Amino acid sequence: MACHQMNTVPLDTIIIHTKAIWTMEAS
């Protein structure tokens, strides 16, 4: 995932991806 593209996507998308990352790290 390219963090530099976060400013070009909707906030909801950022939240979804962030939660997905947290889920993978927690498992």
N, C-alpha and C. Protein backbone atom coordinates (compact mmCIF):
# COMPACT_ATOMS: atom_id res chain seq x y z
N MET A 1 0.84 -1.20 0.00
CA MET A 1 0.00 0.00 0.00
C MET A 1 0.88 1.25 0.00
N ALA A 2 0.50 2.19 -0.83
CA ALA A 2 1.29 3.42 -0.91
C ALA A 2 0.66 4.50 -0.04
N CYS A 3 1.35 4.87 1.01
CA CYS A 3 0.82 5.85 1.95
C CYS A 3 0.69 7.23 1.29
N HIS A 4 1.53 7.49 0.29
CA HIS A 4 1.50 8.80 -0.35
C HIS A 4 0.24 9.00 -1.19
N GLN A 5 -0.54 7.93 -1.38
CA GLN A 5 -1.77 8.04 -2.17
C GLN A 5 -2.99 8.26 -1.26
N MET A 6 -2.77 8.24 0.06
CA MET A 6 -3.88 8.34 1.00
C MET A 6 -4.64 9.66 0.84
N ASN A 7 -3.95 10.70 0.39
CA ASN A 7 -4.62 12.00 0.27
C ASN A 7 -5.50 12.07 -0.98
N THR A 8 -5.53 11.01 -1.77
CA THR A 8 -6.33 11.02 -3.00
C THR A 8 -7.51 10.06 -2.90
N VAL A 9 -7.66 9.39 -1.78
CA VAL A 9 -8.76 8.45 -1.61
C VAL A 9 -9.68 8.92 -0.49
N PRO A 10 -10.96 8.50 -0.51
CA PRO A 10 -11.91 8.89 0.52
C PRO A 10 -11.46 8.44 1.91
N LEU A 11 -11.85 9.19 2.92
CA LEU A 11 -11.47 8.85 4.29
C LEU A 11 -11.98 7.47 4.67
N ASP A 12 -13.19 7.12 4.21
CA ASP A 12 -13.75 5.81 4.53
C ASP A 12 -12.83 4.70 4.04
N THR A 13 -12.24 4.89 2.87
CA THR A 13 -11.36 3.87 2.32
C THR A 13 -10.11 3.74 3.19
N ILE A 14 -9.61 4.87 3.66
CA ILE A 14 -8.43 4.84 4.53
C ILE A 14 -8.75 4.08 5.81
N ILE A 15 -9.92 4.34 6.37
CA ILE A 15 -10.31 3.67 7.62
C ILE A 15 -10.42 2.17 7.39
N ILE A 16 -11.03 1.77 6.27
CA ILE A 16 -11.21 0.34 5.98
C ILE A 16 -9.85 -0.34 5.87
N HIS A 17 -8.93 0.29 5.14
CA HIS A 17 -7.60 -0.30 4.98
C HIS A 17 -6.85 -0.34 6.30
N THR A 18 -7.02 0.72 7.09
CA THR A 18 -6.34 0.77 8.39
C THR A 18 -6.84 -0.34 9.30
N LYS A 19 -8.16 -0.53 9.32
CA LYS A 19 -8.72 -1.59 10.15
C LYS A 19 -8.25 -2.96 9.67
N ALA A 20 -8.10 -3.11 8.36
CA ALA A 20 -7.63 -4.38 7.81
C ALA A 20 -6.19 -4.64 8.27
N ILE A 21 -5.38 -3.59 8.30
CA ILE A 21 -3.99 -3.73 8.73
C ILE A 21 -3.95 -4.12 10.20
N TRP A 22 -4.79 -3.44 11.02
CA TRP A 22 -4.83 -3.76 12.45
C TRP A 22 -5.25 -5.21 12.66
N THR A 23 -6.19 -5.67 11.85
CA THR A 23 -6.68 -7.05 11.99
C THR A 23 -5.56 -8.04 11.67
N MET A 24 -4.79 -7.76 10.63
CA MET A 24 -3.71 -8.67 10.24
C MET A 24 -2.61 -8.67 11.30
N GLU A 25 -2.34 -7.49 11.89
CA GLU A 25 -1.28 -7.40 12.90
C GLU A 25 -1.72 -8.07 14.19
N ALA A 26 -3.02 -8.02 14.47
CA ALA A 26 -3.52 -8.57 15.73
C ALA A 26 -3.59 -10.09 15.66
N SER A 27 -3.75 -10.62 14.45
CA SER A 27 -3.89 -12.08 14.32
C SER A 27 -2.55 -12.77 14.31
